Amino acid sequence: MGEMLDLIKKRRSIRRYTDEPVSDEAIRTMLEAAMAAPSADNLQPWEFVVVRDAGLRRQLAQTHPWSRMCAGAPVVFVVCGHESRSSHWVEDTSAATENLLLAAAGLDLGAVWVGVYPDRGAEAHVRKVLGIPEGLRVLCLVPVGHPAESKPPRTQYDPRKVHYDGY
């Protein structure tokens, strides 16, 4: 259990990356971790677009002011969910995204969750850039790369936010 908690504490939002590419093996490992996430009724409503093309990454960086780091990441995962397949697509794809982020940390890669949903304008931009079909919702972007910044592990545990047997 200690190793898992250490990994969770190690996972930080990393927004600056080196130019070193992310290997195919690392990408597959992160996708395997993402797809190992739990989902309501095991419907697994997720799909992932893996973006390596620099021009597309630059366009994704224009999604909104908080997506600029996509241009500098060697790879960007676009996490999508089938709204018609599951009424819990947001929860399911969020669990998959967290698994992806933890796998990145375990591979000593840096990553950050860049929210897209529920901003319809941001979602339309990503959909247009990548040709994502209607009915497939865009939850978030996850730029990933070898970190060009370092952040220490941390816990955000706050006992004031814990309530037992009622509020």
Protein backbone atom coordinates (compact mmCIF):
# COMPACT_ATOMS: atom_id res chain seq x y z
CA MET A 1 0.00 0.00 0.00
CA GLY A 2 2.89 2.35 0.73
CA GLU A 3 4.08 2.27 -2.88
CA MET A 4 0.63 3.16 -4.19
CA LEU A 5 0.26 6.07 -1.76
CA ASP A 6 3.75 7.27 -2.68
CA LEU A 7 2.78 7.24 -6.36
CA ILE A 8 -0.45 9.14 -5.66
CA LYS A 9 1.51 11.78 -3.73
CA LYS A 10 4.14 11.91 -6.50
CA ARG A 11 1.53 12.73 -9.16
CA ARG A 12 1.63 16.47 -9.70
CA SER A 13 0.36 18.76 -12.44
CA ILE A 14 3.35 19.19 -14.74
CA ARG A 15 2.98 21.81 -17.46
CA ARG A 16 6.51 22.05 -18.93
CA TYR A 17 8.18 19.27 -20.89
CA THR A 18 11.47 18.48 -22.60
CA ASP A 19 11.63 17.69 -26.32
CA GLU A 20 12.29 14.01 -25.64
CA PRO A 21 9.57 11.91 -27.28
CA VAL A 22 7.25 9.66 -25.30
CA SER A 23 7.72 6.06 -26.40
CA ASP A 24 5.02 3.93 -27.99
CA GLU A 25 5.41 1.53 -25.06
CA ALA A 26 4.77 4.30 -22.53
CA ILE A 27 1.72 5.47 -24.47
CA ARG A 28 0.31 1.95 -24.53
CA THR A 29 1.00 1.53 -20.80
CA MET A 30 -0.88 4.73 -20.00
CA LEU A 31 -3.80 3.68 -22.21
CA GLU A 32 -3.90 0.24 -20.57
CA ALA A 33 -4.05 1.91 -17.17
CA ALA A 34 -6.79 4.28 -18.33
CA MET A 35 -8.88 1.42 -19.69
CA ALA A 36 -8.48 -0.53 -16.44
CA ALA A 37 -10.62 2.09 -14.69
CA PRO A 38 -13.98 1.11 -13.23
CA SER A 39 -17.10 2.14 -15.11
CA ALA A 40 -20.81 2.00 -14.37
CA ASP A 41 -22.23 -1.35 -15.50
CA ASN A 42 -18.77 -1.98 -17.00
CA LEU A 43 -19.89 -0.04 -20.09
CA GLN A 44 -16.44 1.48 -20.64
CA PRO A 45 -17.78 4.48 -22.60
CA TRP A 46 -14.34 5.96 -23.25
CA GLU A 47 -12.32 6.55 -26.38
CA PHE A 48 -8.92 8.22 -26.61
CA VAL A 49 -7.33 10.29 -29.35
CA VAL A 50 -3.52 10.27 -29.12
CA VAL A 51 -2.13 13.43 -30.68
CA ARG A 52 1.56 13.56 -31.61
CA ASP A 53 1.40 15.89 -34.61
CA ALA A 54 2.94 19.26 -33.67
CA GLY A 55 0.47 21.25 -35.76
CA LEU A 56 -2.51 19.58 -34.12
CA ARG A 57 -0.98 20.05 -30.67
CA ARG A 58 -0.57 23.77 -31.41
CA GLN A 59 -4.25 23.94 -32.38
CA LEU A 60 -5.25 22.12 -29.18
CA ALA A 61 -3.20 24.69 -27.25
CA GLN A 62 -5.70 27.28 -28.48
CA THR A 63 -8.69 25.48 -26.91
CA HIS A 64 -8.74 27.98 -24.02
CA PRO A 65 -6.20 29.97 -21.96
CA TRP A 66 -5.39 26.96 -19.74
CA SER A 67 -4.47 24.61 -22.60
CA ARG A 68 -1.33 26.38 -23.84
CA MET A 69 0.99 23.65 -22.56
CA CYS A 70 -0.41 21.27 -25.19
CA ALA A 71 1.88 22.89 -27.77
CA GLY A 72 5.00 21.91 -25.83
CA ALA A 73 4.03 18.36 -24.89
CA PRO A 74 5.29 15.55 -27.13
CA VAL A 75 1.90 13.84 -26.87
CA VAL A 76 -1.61 14.91 -25.89
CA PHE A 77 -4.31 12.42 -24.95
CA VAL A 78 -7.85 13.57 -25.69
CA VAL A 79 -10.24 11.71 -23.39
CA CYS A 80 -13.72 11.26 -24.85
CA GLY A 81 -16.90 9.56 -23.72
CA HIS A 82 -20.00 8.18 -25.41
CA GLU A 83 -22.84 10.15 -23.84
CA SER A 84 -25.43 7.86 -25.45
CA ARG A 85 -23.74 4.72 -24.14
CA SER A 86 -23.68 5.70 -20.48
CA SER A 87 -25.34 8.36 -18.35
CA HIS A 88 -22.21 8.09 -16.18
CA TRP A 89 -19.75 8.87 -18.97
CA VAL A 90 -18.29 11.85 -17.04
CA GLU A 91 -17.53 9.76 -13.94
CA ASP A 92 -16.23 6.85 -16.01
CA THR A 93 -13.91 8.92 -18.21
CA SER A 94 -12.75 10.86 -15.15
CA ALA A 95 -11.70 7.60 -13.48
CA ALA A 96 -9.88 6.62 -16.68
CA THR A 97 -8.15 10.00 -16.77
CA GLU A 98 -6.90 9.65 -13.20
CA ASN A 99 -5.53 6.19 -14.01
CA LEU A 100 -3.74 7.69 -17.03
CA LEU A 101 -2.25 10.44 -14.85
CA LEU A 102 -1.07 7.93 -12.24
CA ALA A 103 0.48 5.74 -14.93
CA ALA A 104 2.33 8.77 -16.31
CA ALA A 105 3.70 9.51 -12.83
CA GLY A 106 4.72 5.86 -12.44
CA LEU A 107 6.65 6.13 -15.72
CA ASP A 108 8.38 9.31 -14.47
CA LEU A 109 6.50 11.38 -17.03
CA GLY A 110 4.81 14.68 -16.39
CA ALA A 111 1.15 15.28 -17.19
CA VAL A 112 -1.71 17.62 -16.38
CA TRP A 113 -5.51 17.36 -16.63
CA VAL A 114 -6.80 20.16 -18.87
CA GLY A 115 -10.56 20.33 -18.53
CA VAL A 116 -12.74 20.74 -21.61
CA TYR A 117 -16.19 19.54 -20.50
CA PRO A 118 -18.64 21.25 -19.84
CA ASP A 119 -17.37 24.20 -21.93
CA ARG A 120 -19.27 23.68 -25.21
CA GLY A 121 -17.06 26.19 -27.03
CA ALA A 122 -13.86 24.42 -25.99
CA GLU A 123 -15.41 21.08 -26.85
CA ALA A 124 -16.43 22.33 -30.32
CA HIS A 125 -12.87 23.55 -30.93
CA VAL A 126 -11.33 20.17 -30.04
CA ARG A 127 -14.00 18.33 -32.02
CA LYS A 128 -13.25 20.46 -35.12
CA VAL A 129 -9.45 20.14 -34.84
CA LEU A 130 -9.54 16.35 -34.55
CA GLY A 131 -12.70 15.44 -36.47
CA ILE A 132 -14.37 13.95 -33.40
CA PRO A 133 -17.91 12.85 -34.29
CA GLU A 134 -21.04 14.26 -32.69
CA GLY A 135 -22.26 12.15 -29.79
CA LEU A 136 -18.73 11.58 -28.57
CA ARG A 137 -18.10 14.13 -25.80
CA VAL A 138 -14.68 15.57 -24.98
CA LEU A 139 -13.93 15.41 -21.25
CA CYS A 140 -10.37 16.69 -21.19
CA LEU A 141 -6.93 16.98 -22.72
CA VAL A 142 -3.93 15.38 -21.03
CA PRO A 143 -0.58 16.68 -22.30
CA VAL A 144 2.24 14.29 -21.38
CA GLY A 145 6.01 14.48 -21.64
CA HIS A 146 9.30 14.17 -19.85
CA PRO A 147 9.17 16.86 -17.15
CA ALA A 148 11.13 20.09 -17.56
CA GLU A 149 10.02 21.14 -14.08
CA SER A 150 10.09 19.40 -10.73
CA LYS A 151 7.55 19.45 -7.95
CA PRO A 152 7.94 17.60 -4.65
CA PRO A 153 5.48 14.89 -3.63
CA ARG A 154 2.72 16.12 -1.38
CA THR A 155 -0.43 15.19 0.41
CA GLN A 156 -3.46 17.43 0.55
CA TYR A 157 -5.05 15.55 3.42
CA ASP A 158 -7.14 17.90 5.55
CA PRO A 159 -8.90 16.31 8.54
CA ARG A 160 -11.31 19.27 8.68
CA LYS A 161 -12.89 17.93 5.50
CA VAL A 162 -13.59 14.49 6.97
CA HIS A 163 -16.88 13.74 8.75
CA TYR A 164 -17.79 10.42 10.38
CA ASP A 165 -21.34 9.08 10.69
CA GLY A 166 -22.87 12.32 9.39
CA TYR A 167 -21.92 15.88 8.64
